[in-house]
Amino acid sequence: MDSNTPLSERELLEGCRKNNRAIQEQFYKLHFDAMYGICLSRIKDKEEAMLVVNNAFLRIFKKIDLYSGSGSLEAWMRRIVFNAISDYYRSPNYTQNSSQFIENLNRVLVLNSTALSHLYYDDLIHLVNQLPETTKEVFTLFAIEGYAHSDIAEILNIPEGSSKWQLHQARKILKAKLLQSKAMQPRLKLKS
């Protein structure tokens, strides 16, 4: 085959599965712009976004055998990229502005503006991490990372209505946990 002839998706996948470095490079170049764009939309620092996208491609190459061929390859890759972005935000090296996180949480949970101000960022993350897995993923993508339900549905391969329901469940669970907290009871006033 002529080296200038583009390979089919099947050929690229097969070459990647065999750890063919030249084909992995073609695969990377073919999908880089789209995946880097996703990272840049969530991570404003270009160097950090580059680190995350490269980490995601390493994961893609390691997990390429797990791609069954059913469904879109790009959607499968996007999910890995979104997981890499989420891992970036959860890493100890990332120092997100905790006031921004609390503001996002207040907005999504429809709490008054000072309801969470005395809780520590780690305590809030702990509450979010106690949510059931899919509920946590939807909540994190919507409330913390700012995705729309249509994007979340695509990322998680669920119906858009399920994304909305999972967000509703997350709100209900988190509000209940916050109301149970002795420290929150005197300060927390939920809007109706």
N, C-alpha and C. Protein backbone atom coordinates (compact mmCIF):
# COMPACT_ATOMS: atom_id res chain seq x y z
N MET A 1 0.85 -1.19 0.00
CA MET A 1 0.00 0.00 0.00
C MET A 1 0.88 1.24 0.00
N ASP A 2 0.51 2.21 -0.78
CA ASP A 2 1.23 3.48 -0.87
C ASP A 2 1.20 4.17 0.49
N SER A 3 2.36 4.69 0.92
CA SER A 3 2.45 5.31 2.24
C SER A 3 1.64 6.60 2.33
N ASN A 4 1.26 7.18 1.19
CA ASN A 4 0.46 8.41 1.20
C ASN A 4 -1.04 8.12 1.21
N THR A 5 -1.43 6.87 0.99
CA THR A 5 -2.83 6.50 0.98
C THR A 5 -3.33 6.42 2.42
N PRO A 6 -4.39 7.17 2.73
CA PRO A 6 -4.90 7.11 4.11
C PRO A 6 -5.44 5.71 4.42
N LEU A 7 -5.20 5.29 5.63
CA LEU A 7 -5.68 3.98 6.07
C LEU A 7 -7.13 4.09 6.52
N SER A 8 -7.84 3.01 6.39
CA SER A 8 -9.22 2.98 6.87
C SER A 8 -9.20 2.92 8.40
N GLU A 9 -10.35 3.19 9.01
CA GLU A 9 -10.45 3.13 10.46
C GLU A 9 -10.08 1.73 10.95
N ARG A 10 -10.55 0.72 10.25
CA ARG A 10 -10.25 -0.67 10.64
C ARG A 10 -8.75 -0.93 10.59
N GLU A 11 -8.08 -0.44 9.54
CA GLU A 11 -6.63 -0.64 9.42
C GLU A 11 -5.88 0.12 10.51
N LEU A 12 -6.34 1.31 10.80
CA LEU A 12 -5.71 2.09 11.87
C LEU A 12 -5.86 1.37 13.21
N LEU A 13 -7.05 0.89 13.49
CA LEU A 13 -7.29 0.18 14.75
C LEU A 13 -6.43 -1.07 14.85
N GLU A 14 -6.36 -1.81 13.76
CA GLU A 14 -5.56 -3.05 13.77
C GLU A 14 -4.09 -2.73 13.99
N GLY A 15 -3.59 -1.70 13.34
CA GLY A 15 -2.19 -1.29 13.53
C GLY A 15 -1.92 -0.83 14.95
N CYS A 16 -2.87 -0.09 15.53
CA CYS A 16 -2.72 0.35 16.92
C CYS A 16 -2.74 -0.83 17.88
N ARG A 17 -3.59 -1.80 17.60
CA ARG A 17 -3.66 -2.99 18.45
C ARG A 17 -2.34 -3.77 18.42
N LYS A 18 -1.64 -3.68 17.30
CA LYS A 18 -0.35 -4.37 17.17
C LYS A 18 0.81 -3.48 17.63
N ASN A 19 0.51 -2.33 18.21
CA ASN A 19 1.52 -1.37 18.68
C ASN A 19 2.45 -0.91 17.58
N ASN A 20 1.94 -0.80 16.37
CA ASN A 20 2.71 -0.29 15.25
C ASN A 20 2.85 1.22 15.44
N ARG A 21 4.06 1.68 15.75
CA ARG A 21 4.28 3.09 16.09
C ARG A 21 3.93 4.04 14.96
N ALA A 22 4.21 3.65 13.72
CA ALA A 22 3.91 4.51 12.59
C ALA A 22 2.39 4.70 12.44
N ILE A 23 1.65 3.62 12.64
CA ILE A 23 0.20 3.71 12.53
C ILE A 23 -0.38 4.46 13.72
N GLN A 24 0.20 4.25 14.92
CA GLN A 24 -0.25 5.00 16.08
C GLN A 24 -0.04 6.50 15.85
N GLU A 25 1.05 6.85 15.22
CA GLU A 25 1.30 8.27 14.92
C GLU A 25 0.25 8.81 13.95
N GLN A 26 -0.10 8.02 12.93
CA GLN A 26 -1.15 8.46 11.99
C GLN A 26 -2.48 8.63 12.72
N PHE A 27 -2.79 7.67 13.57
CA PHE A 27 -4.02 7.70 14.35
C PHE A 27 -4.05 8.96 15.22
N TYR A 28 -2.94 9.23 15.90
CA TYR A 28 -2.80 10.40 16.76
C TYR A 28 -3.02 11.67 15.95
N LYS A 29 -2.36 11.80 14.82
CA LYS A 29 -2.49 12.99 13.98
C LYS A 29 -3.91 13.17 13.46
N LEU A 30 -4.55 12.07 13.13
CA LEU A 30 -5.91 12.11 12.59
C LEU A 30 -6.91 12.62 13.63
N HIS A 31 -6.73 12.22 14.87
CA HIS A 31 -7.71 12.54 15.92
C HIS A 31 -7.25 13.63 16.89
N PHE A 32 -6.02 14.09 16.75
CA PHE A 32 -5.47 15.04 17.72
C PHE A 32 -6.29 16.32 17.84
N ASP A 33 -6.60 16.97 16.72
CA ASP A 33 -7.28 18.27 16.77
C ASP A 33 -8.60 18.19 17.53
N ALA A 34 -9.39 17.17 17.26
CA ALA A 34 -10.69 17.03 17.93
C ALA A 34 -10.51 16.80 19.43
N MET A 35 -9.58 15.92 19.79
CA MET A 35 -9.39 15.59 21.21
C MET A 35 -8.72 16.75 21.97
N TYR A 36 -7.79 17.42 21.31
CA TYR A 36 -7.15 18.58 21.94
C TYR A 36 -8.17 19.70 22.13
N GLY A 37 -9.07 19.86 21.16
CA GLY A 37 -10.12 20.86 21.26
C GLY A 37 -11.00 20.62 22.48
N ILE A 38 -11.31 19.36 22.74
CA ILE A 38 -12.10 19.02 23.92
C ILE A 38 -11.34 19.44 25.18
N CYS A 39 -10.06 19.11 25.22
CA CYS A 39 -9.25 19.48 26.39
C CYS A 39 -9.17 20.99 26.56
N LEU A 40 -8.95 21.70 25.48
CA LEU A 40 -8.84 23.16 25.55
C LEU A 40 -10.15 23.82 25.98
N SER A 41 -11.27 23.17 25.66
CA SER A 41 -12.55 23.75 26.07
C SER A 41 -12.76 23.64 27.57
N ARG A 42 -12.02 22.76 28.22
CA ARG A 42 -12.17 22.54 29.66
C ARG A 42 -10.95 22.98 30.47
N ILE A 43 -9.80 23.03 29.83
CA ILE A 43 -8.56 23.40 30.50
C ILE A 43 -7.97 24.56 29.72
N LYS A 44 -7.96 25.73 30.30
CA LYS A 44 -7.57 26.93 29.55
C LYS A 44 -6.07 27.04 29.31
N ASP A 45 -5.26 26.44 30.17
CA ASP A 45 -3.81 26.47 30.00
C ASP A 45 -3.43 25.47 28.90
N LYS A 46 -2.83 25.98 27.81
CA LYS A 46 -2.53 25.14 26.65
C LYS A 46 -1.55 24.02 26.97
N GLU A 47 -0.56 24.30 27.80
CA GLU A 47 0.41 23.26 28.16
C GLU A 47 -0.25 22.16 28.98
N GLU A 48 -1.10 22.55 29.90
CA GLU A 48 -1.82 21.55 30.71
C GLU A 48 -2.76 20.73 29.82
N ALA A 49 -3.44 21.40 28.90
CA ALA A 49 -4.34 20.70 27.98
C ALA A 49 -3.57 19.71 27.13
N MET A 50 -2.37 20.09 26.71
CA MET A 50 -1.53 19.20 25.91
C MET A 50 -1.13 17.97 26.73
N LEU A 51 -0.78 18.17 28.00
CA LEU A 51 -0.43 17.04 28.86
C LEU A 51 -1.62 16.09 29.01
N VAL A 52 -2.80 16.66 29.19
CA VAL A 52 -3.99 15.83 29.38
C VAL A 52 -4.32 15.06 28.10
N VAL A 53 -4.26 15.72 26.95
CA VAL A 53 -4.59 15.02 25.70
C VAL A 53 -3.58 13.92 25.42
N ASN A 54 -2.32 14.16 25.71
CA ASN A 54 -1.33 13.11 25.50
C ASN A 54 -1.54 11.95 26.46
N ASN A 55 -1.91 12.25 27.69
CA ASN A 55 -2.24 11.21 28.65
C ASN A 55 -3.44 10.40 28.15
N ALA A 56 -4.42 11.10 27.59
CA ALA A 56 -5.60 10.42 27.05
C ALA A 56 -5.23 9.50 25.89
N PHE A 57 -4.35 9.96 25.01
CA PHE A 57 -3.94 9.10 23.89
C PHE A 57 -3.18 7.88 24.38
N LEU A 58 -2.38 8.03 25.43
CA LEU A 58 -1.72 6.85 26.00
C LEU A 58 -2.76 5.85 26.48
N ARG A 59 -3.79 6.35 27.14
CA ARG A 59 -4.87 5.47 27.60
C ARG A 59 -5.59 4.81 26.43
N ILE A 60 -5.83 5.61 25.40
CA ILE A 60 -6.51 5.07 24.21
C ILE A 60 -5.69 3.93 23.62
N PHE A 61 -4.39 4.12 23.48
CA PHE A 61 -3.56 3.07 22.90
C PHE A 61 -3.50 1.83 23.81
N LYS A 62 -3.50 2.05 25.12
CA LYS A 62 -3.49 0.91 26.05
C LYS A 62 -4.81 0.15 26.04
N LYS A 63 -5.91 0.88 25.81
CA LYS A 63 -7.23 0.26 25.89
C LYS A 63 -7.86 -0.03 24.53
N ILE A 64 -7.11 0.14 23.48
CA ILE A 64 -7.67 0.02 22.13
C ILE A 64 -8.31 -1.35 21.89
N ASP A 65 -7.81 -2.38 22.58
CA ASP A 65 -8.41 -3.71 22.45
C ASP A 65 -9.82 -3.75 23.03
N LEU A 66 -10.14 -2.82 23.92
CA LEU A 66 -11.47 -2.79 24.53
C LEU A 66 -12.53 -2.17 23.62
N TYR A 67 -12.08 -1.47 22.59
CA TYR A 67 -13.06 -0.89 21.65
C TYR A 67 -13.61 -2.02 20.80
N SER A 68 -14.91 -2.24 20.93
CA SER A 68 -15.55 -3.39 20.28
C SER A 68 -15.91 -3.14 18.82
N GLY A 69 -15.91 -1.90 18.41
CA GLY A 69 -16.32 -1.59 17.05
C GLY A 69 -17.78 -1.22 16.96
N SER A 70 -18.53 -1.49 18.02
CA SER A 70 -19.93 -1.06 18.02
C SER A 70 -19.96 0.37 18.56
N GLY A 71 -20.68 1.20 17.91
CA GLY A 71 -20.71 2.61 18.31
C GLY A 71 -19.56 3.36 17.66
N SER A 72 -19.60 4.64 17.83
CA SER A 72 -18.62 5.53 17.21
C SER A 72 -17.27 5.45 17.91
N LEU A 73 -16.21 5.32 17.13
CA LEU A 73 -14.85 5.34 17.68
C LEU A 73 -14.59 6.68 18.35
N GLU A 74 -15.04 7.75 17.71
CA GLU A 74 -14.79 9.08 18.28
C GLU A 74 -15.49 9.24 19.63
N ALA A 75 -16.72 8.73 19.75
CA ALA A 75 -17.43 8.81 21.03
C ALA A 75 -16.68 8.02 22.10
N TRP A 76 -16.16 6.85 21.73
CA TRP A 76 -15.39 6.03 22.66
C TRP A 76 -14.13 6.78 23.11
N MET A 77 -13.45 7.42 22.16
CA MET A 77 -12.25 8.19 22.48
C MET A 77 -12.59 9.41 23.34
N ARG A 78 -13.70 10.07 23.02
CA ARG A 78 -14.10 11.26 23.78
C ARG A 78 -14.32 10.90 25.25
N ARG A 79 -14.89 9.75 25.49
CA ARG A 79 -15.12 9.33 26.88
C ARG A 79 -13.79 9.19 27.62
N ILE A 80 -12.80 8.63 26.95
CA ILE A 80 -11.47 8.49 27.57
C ILE A 80 -10.86 9.87 27.81
N VAL A 81 -11.03 10.77 26.86
CA VAL A 81 -10.52 12.13 27.03
C VAL A 81 -11.23 12.83 28.20
N PHE A 82 -12.54 12.68 28.29
CA PHE A 82 -13.28 13.30 29.40
C PHE A 82 -12.84 12.71 30.74
N ASN A 83 -12.57 11.42 30.77
CA ASN A 83 -12.07 10.80 32.00
C ASN A 83 -10.69 11.36 32.36
N ALA A 84 -9.85 11.58 31.35
CA ALA A 84 -8.52 12.16 31.61
C ALA A 84 -8.65 13.59 32.14
N ILE A 85 -9.61 14.33 31.60
CA ILE A 85 -9.85 15.70 32.09
C ILE A 85 -10.34 15.65 33.54
N SER A 86 -11.26 14.75 33.82
CA SER A 86 -11.77 14.61 35.19
C SER A 86 -10.64 14.23 36.14
N ASP A 87 -9.79 13.32 35.72
CA ASP A 87 -8.65 12.92 36.56
C ASP A 87 -7.72 14.10 36.80
N TYR A 88 -7.54 14.92 35.78
CA TYR A 88 -6.70 16.11 35.91
C TYR A 88 -7.26 17.02 37.02
N TYR A 89 -8.57 17.25 37.01
CA TYR A 89 -9.17 18.12 38.01
C TYR A 89 -9.16 17.51 39.40
N ARG A 90 -9.14 16.18 39.47
CA ARG A 90 -9.10 15.52 40.78
C ARG A 90 -7.69 15.31 41.30
N SER A 91 -6.69 15.53 40.47
CA SER A 91 -5.31 15.26 40.89
C SER A 91 -4.86 16.25 41.95
N PRO A 92 -3.96 15.79 42.84
CA PRO A 92 -3.46 16.69 43.88
C PRO A 92 -2.68 17.88 43.32
N ASN A 93 -2.18 17.75 42.10
CA ASN A 93 -1.41 18.84 41.49
C ASN A 93 -2.31 19.97 40.99
N TYR A 94 -3.60 19.68 40.85
CA TYR A 94 -4.52 20.70 40.36
C TYR A 94 -5.09 21.46 41.55
N THR A 95 -4.96 22.74 41.50
CA THR A 95 -5.50 23.57 42.58
C THR A 95 -6.61 24.44 42.03
N GLN A 96 -7.77 23.84 41.87
CA GLN A 96 -8.92 24.58 41.38
C GLN A 96 -9.30 25.63 42.41
N ASN A 97 -9.76 26.72 41.95
CA ASN A 97 -10.25 27.77 42.81
C ASN A 97 -11.46 27.22 43.55
N SER A 98 -11.31 26.95 44.84
CA SER A 98 -12.39 26.33 45.60
C SER A 98 -13.62 27.22 45.66
N SER A 99 -13.44 28.52 45.63
CA SER A 99 -14.61 29.40 45.65
C SER A 99 -15.43 29.23 44.37
N GLN A 100 -14.77 28.99 43.24
CA GLN A 100 -15.48 28.75 41.98
C GLN A 100 -16.25 27.44 42.06
N PHE A 101 -15.61 26.40 42.64
CA PHE A 101 -16.27 25.11 42.81
C PHE A 101 -17.52 25.27 43.68
N ILE A 102 -17.39 25.98 44.79
CA ILE A 102 -18.51 26.18 45.71
C ILE A 102 -19.61 26.98 45.02
N GLU A 103 -19.23 27.98 44.24
CA GLU A 103 -20.21 28.76 43.49
C GLU A 103 -20.98 27.87 42.52
N ASN A 104 -20.27 26.98 41.80
CA ASN A 104 -20.93 26.05 40.88
C ASN A 104 -21.87 25.13 41.63
N LEU A 105 -21.43 24.62 42.76
CA LEU A 105 -22.25 23.71 43.56
C LEU A 105 -23.49 24.43 44.07
N ASN A 106 -23.34 25.63 44.57
CA ASN A 106 -24.49 26.43 45.01
C ASN A 106 -25.49 26.63 43.87
N ARG A 107 -24.96 26.96 42.69
CA ARG A 107 -25.81 27.22 41.53
C ARG A 107 -26.61 25.98 41.15
N VAL A 108 -25.97 24.83 41.10
CA VAL A 108 -26.62 23.60 40.65
C VAL A 108 -27.56 23.04 41.71
N LEU A 109 -27.18 23.15 42.96
CA LEU A 109 -28.03 22.63 44.03
C LEU A 109 -29.12 23.63 44.43
N VAL A 110 -29.06 24.84 43.88
CA VAL A 110 -30.02 25.90 44.16
C VAL A 110 -30.04 26.19 45.66
N LEU A 111 -28.87 26.48 46.18
CA LEU A 111 -28.73 26.84 47.59
C LEU A 111 -28.53 28.34 47.69
N ASN A 112 -28.70 28.88 48.90
CA ASN A 112 -28.40 30.30 49.01
C ASN A 112 -26.90 30.50 48.90
N SER A 113 -26.47 31.70 48.65
CA SER A 113 -25.07 31.94 48.26
C SER A 113 -24.05 31.62 49.33
N THR A 114 -24.45 31.56 50.59
CA THR A 114 -23.47 31.29 51.65
C THR A 114 -23.62 29.90 52.26
N ALA A 115 -24.52 29.09 51.73
CA ALA A 115 -24.84 27.82 52.34
C ALA A 115 -23.64 26.89 52.48
N LEU A 116 -22.75 26.90 51.53
CA LEU A 116 -21.61 25.98 51.56
C LEU A 116 -20.31 26.66 51.94
N SER A 117 -20.35 27.92 52.25
CA SER A 117 -19.11 28.69 52.40
C SER A 117 -18.23 28.19 53.54
N HIS A 118 -18.80 27.57 54.56
CA HIS A 118 -17.97 27.14 55.68
C HIS A 118 -17.46 25.71 55.53
N LEU A 119 -17.93 24.99 54.51
CA LEU A 119 -17.43 23.63 54.29
C LEU A 119 -16.12 23.69 53.51
N TYR A 120 -15.27 22.76 53.77
CA TYR A 120 -14.02 22.67 53.04
C TYR A 120 -14.24 22.02 51.68
N TYR A 121 -13.43 22.42 50.74
CA TYR A 121 -13.47 21.87 49.39
C TYR A 121 -13.40 20.34 49.45
N ASP A 122 -12.49 19.78 50.24
CA ASP A 122 -12.34 18.33 50.34
C ASP A 122 -13.61 17.67 50.86
N ASP A 123 -14.31 18.33 51.79
CA ASP A 123 -15.57 17.79 52.30
C ASP A 123 -16.62 17.72 51.20
N LEU A 124 -16.67 18.76 50.37
CA LEU A 124 -17.63 18.78 49.28
C LEU A 124 -17.31 17.71 48.24
N ILE A 125 -16.04 17.57 47.91
CA ILE A 125 -15.62 16.52 46.97
C ILE A 125 -16.00 15.15 47.55
N HIS A 126 -15.79 14.98 48.84
CA HIS A 126 -16.13 13.71 49.49
C HIS A 126 -17.63 13.41 49.34
N LEU A 127 -18.48 14.41 49.53
CA LEU A 127 -19.92 14.22 49.35
C LEU A 127 -20.26 13.83 47.91
N VAL A 128 -19.65 14.51 46.96
CA VAL A 128 -19.89 14.20 45.55
C VAL A 128 -19.42 12.79 45.24
N ASN A 129 -18.28 12.39 45.78
CA ASN A 129 -17.73 11.06 45.51
C ASN A 129 -18.57 9.94 46.12
N GLN A 130 -19.46 10.26 47.05
CA GLN A 130 -20.33 9.25 47.65
C GLN A 130 -21.55 8.94 46.77
N LEU A 131 -21.77 9.74 45.75
CA LEU A 131 -22.90 9.50 44.86
C LEU A 131 -22.69 8.19 44.10
N PRO A 132 -23.79 7.53 43.69
CA PRO A 132 -23.64 6.36 42.80
C PRO A 132 -22.86 6.76 41.54
N GLU A 133 -22.15 5.82 40.96
CA GLU A 133 -21.17 6.12 39.90
C GLU A 133 -21.74 6.95 38.74
N THR A 134 -22.82 6.50 38.12
CA THR A 134 -23.36 7.25 36.97
C THR A 134 -23.89 8.60 37.41
N THR A 135 -24.53 8.64 38.57
CA THR A 135 -25.04 9.91 39.10
C THR A 135 -23.89 10.88 39.33
N LYS A 136 -22.79 10.37 39.89
CA LYS A 136 -21.61 11.20 40.13
C LYS A 136 -21.03 11.71 38.82
N GLU A 137 -20.93 10.83 37.82
CA GLU A 137 -20.38 11.25 36.53
C GLU A 137 -21.22 12.36 35.91
N VAL A 138 -22.54 12.18 35.92
CA VAL A 138 -23.43 13.19 35.34
C VAL A 138 -23.31 14.49 36.11
N PHE A 139 -23.34 14.41 37.44
CA PHE A 139 -23.25 15.61 38.26
C PHE A 139 -21.94 16.35 38.01
N THR A 140 -20.85 15.61 37.98
CA THR A 140 -19.53 16.22 37.77
C THR A 140 -19.45 16.89 36.41
N LEU A 141 -19.92 16.19 35.37
CA LEU A 141 -19.87 16.77 34.03
C LEU A 141 -20.76 18.00 33.92
N PHE A 142 -21.92 17.98 34.55
CA PHE A 142 -22.85 19.11 34.44
C PHE A 142 -22.46 20.25 35.37
N ALA A 143 -22.31 19.93 36.66
CA ALA A 143 -22.14 20.99 37.66
C ALA A 143 -20.73 21.54 37.73
N ILE A 144 -19.76 20.68 37.58
CA ILE A 144 -18.38 21.12 37.78
C ILE A 144 -17.71 21.47 36.46
N GLU A 145 -17.96 20.64 35.43
CA GLU A 145 -17.27 20.86 34.16
C GLU A 145 -18.11 21.62 33.14
N GLY A 146 -19.40 21.83 33.43
CA GLY A 146 -20.22 22.70 32.61
C GLY A 146 -20.77 22.12 31.32
N TYR A 147 -20.86 20.81 31.20
CA TYR A 147 -21.39 20.21 29.98
C TYR A 147 -22.91 20.29 29.94
N ALA A 148 -23.45 20.35 28.75
CA ALA A 148 -24.90 20.29 28.55
C ALA A 148 -25.34 18.82 28.59
N HIS A 149 -26.63 18.61 28.83
CA HIS A 149 -27.13 17.23 28.92
C HIS A 149 -26.92 16.46 27.61
N SER A 150 -27.02 17.14 26.48
CA SER A 150 -26.81 16.45 25.20
C SER A 150 -25.37 15.93 25.09
N ASP A 151 -24.41 16.74 25.56
CA ASP A 151 -23.01 16.30 25.55
C ASP A 151 -22.79 15.16 26.54
N ILE A 152 -23.39 15.26 27.71
CA ILE A 152 -23.24 14.23 28.72
C ILE A 152 -23.80 12.91 28.20
N ALA A 153 -24.94 12.98 27.54
CA ALA A 153 -25.56 11.77 26.96
C ALA A 153 -24.61 11.10 25.98
N GLU A 154 -23.96 11.91 25.17
CA GLU A 154 -23.01 11.36 24.20
C GLU A 154 -21.78 10.78 24.89
N ILE A 155 -21.24 11.49 25.85
CA ILE A 155 -20.04 11.05 26.55
C ILE A 155 -20.28 9.72 27.27
N LEU A 156 -21.40 9.64 27.97
CA LEU A 156 -21.68 8.46 28.80
C LEU A 156 -22.50 7.40 28.06
N ASN A 157 -22.87 7.71 26.83
CA ASN A 157 -23.65 6.77 26.01
C ASN A 157 -24.97 6.40 26.71
N ILE A 158 -25.68 7.44 27.16
CA ILE A 158 -26.98 7.27 27.80
C ILE A 158 -27.96 8.23 27.14
N PRO A 159 -29.26 7.98 27.27
CA PRO A 159 -30.23 8.94 26.72
C PRO A 159 -30.14 10.28 27.46
N GLU A 160 -30.47 11.35 26.77
CA GLU A 160 -30.42 12.68 27.38
C GLU A 160 -31.35 12.77 28.59
N GLY A 161 -32.50 12.12 28.51
CA GLY A 161 -33.43 12.10 29.63
C GLY A 161 -32.82 11.44 30.87
N SER A 162 -32.00 10.43 30.66
CA SER A 162 -31.32 9.77 31.79
C SER A 162 -30.32 10.71 32.44
N SER A 163 -29.66 11.51 31.63
CA SER A 163 -28.72 12.49 32.17
C SER A 163 -29.47 13.47 33.08
N LYS A 164 -30.61 13.94 32.63
CA LYS A 164 -31.40 14.88 33.43
C LYS A 164 -31.88 14.22 34.72
N TRP A 165 -32.32 12.97 34.62
CA TRP A 165 -32.79 12.26 35.80
C TRP A 165 -31.66 12.04 36.79
N GLN A 166 -30.47 11.66 36.28
CA GLN A 166 -29.31 11.44 37.16
C GLN A 166 -28.93 12.73 37.87
N LEU A 167 -28.99 13.86 37.17
CA LEU A 167 -28.70 15.16 37.81
C LEU A 167 -29.74 15.44 38.91
N HIS A 168 -30.99 15.16 38.63
CA HIS A 168 -32.04 15.35 39.64
C HIS A 168 -31.74 14.49 40.87
N GLN A 169 -31.35 13.24 40.65
CA GLN A 169 -31.02 12.34 41.75
C GLN A 169 -29.83 12.89 42.55
N ALA A 170 -28.81 13.37 41.85
CA ALA A 170 -27.63 13.92 42.52
C ALA A 170 -28.02 15.09 43.40
N ARG A 171 -28.83 15.99 42.88
CA ARG A 171 -29.29 17.15 43.66
C ARG A 171 -30.02 16.69 44.92
N LYS A 172 -30.93 15.74 44.74
CA LYS A 172 -31.73 15.25 45.86
C LYS A 172 -30.83 14.61 46.93
N ILE A 173 -29.90 13.77 46.52
CA ILE A 173 -29.01 13.09 47.46
C ILE A 173 -28.11 14.09 48.17
N LEU A 174 -27.51 15.00 47.40
CA LEU A 174 -26.59 15.97 48.01
C LEU A 174 -27.31 16.91 48.96
N LYS A 175 -28.50 17.37 48.59
CA LYS A 175 -29.25 18.24 49.49
C LYS A 175 -29.58 17.51 50.79
N ALA A 176 -29.97 16.24 50.68
CA ALA A 176 -30.28 15.45 51.88
C ALA A 176 -29.05 15.31 52.76
N LYS A 177 -27.90 15.02 52.14
CA LYS A 177 -26.66 14.87 52.92
C LYS A 177 -26.26 16.19 53.58
N LEU A 178 -26.45 17.28 52.87
CA LEU A 178 -26.11 18.58 53.43
C LEU A 178 -27.04 18.95 54.58
N LEU A 179 -28.31 18.62 54.44
CA LEU A 179 -29.26 18.91 55.52
C LEU A 179 -28.99 18.05 56.75
N GLN A 180 -28.45 16.85 56.54
CA GLN A 180 -28.14 15.97 57.67
C GLN A 180 -26.93 16.45 58.45
N SER A 181 -26.10 17.20 57.80
CA SER A 181 -24.88 17.68 58.44
C SER A 181 -25.23 18.66 59.56
N LYS A 182 -24.79 18.35 60.75
CA LYS A 182 -25.06 19.22 61.92
C LYS A 182 -24.51 20.63 61.68
N ALA A 183 -23.37 20.72 61.06
CA ALA A 183 -22.74 22.02 60.83
C ALA A 183 -23.55 22.85 59.85
N MET A 184 -24.30 22.19 58.97
CA MET A 184 -25.05 22.91 57.95
C MET A 184 -26.41 23.38 58.44
N GLN A 185 -27.03 22.70 59.38
CA GLN A 185 -28.41 22.98 59.75
C GLN A 185 -28.67 24.44 60.11
N PRO A 186 -27.82 25.11 60.88
CA PRO A 186 -28.16 26.50 61.20
C PRO A 186 -28.00 27.45 60.00
N ARG A 187 -27.19 27.09 59.02
CA ARG A 187 -26.88 28.03 57.94
C ARG A 187 -27.59 27.71 56.63
N LEU A 188 -27.96 26.47 56.44
CA LEU A 188 -28.45 26.03 55.14
C LEU A 188 -29.94 26.35 54.96
N LYS A 189 -30.25 27.11 53.93
CA LYS A 189 -31.64 27.38 53.59
C LYS A 189 -31.79 27.07 52.11
N LEU A 190 -32.54 26.06 51.82
CA LEU A 190 -32.74 25.68 50.43
C LEU A 190 -33.83 26.55 49.83
N LYS A 191 -33.61 26.95 48.60
CA LYS A 191 -34.63 27.69 47.88
C LYS A 191 -35.66 26.69 47.38
N SER A 192 -36.90 27.09 47.30
CA SER A 192 -37.90 26.15 46.82
C SER A 192 -38.07 26.21 45.33
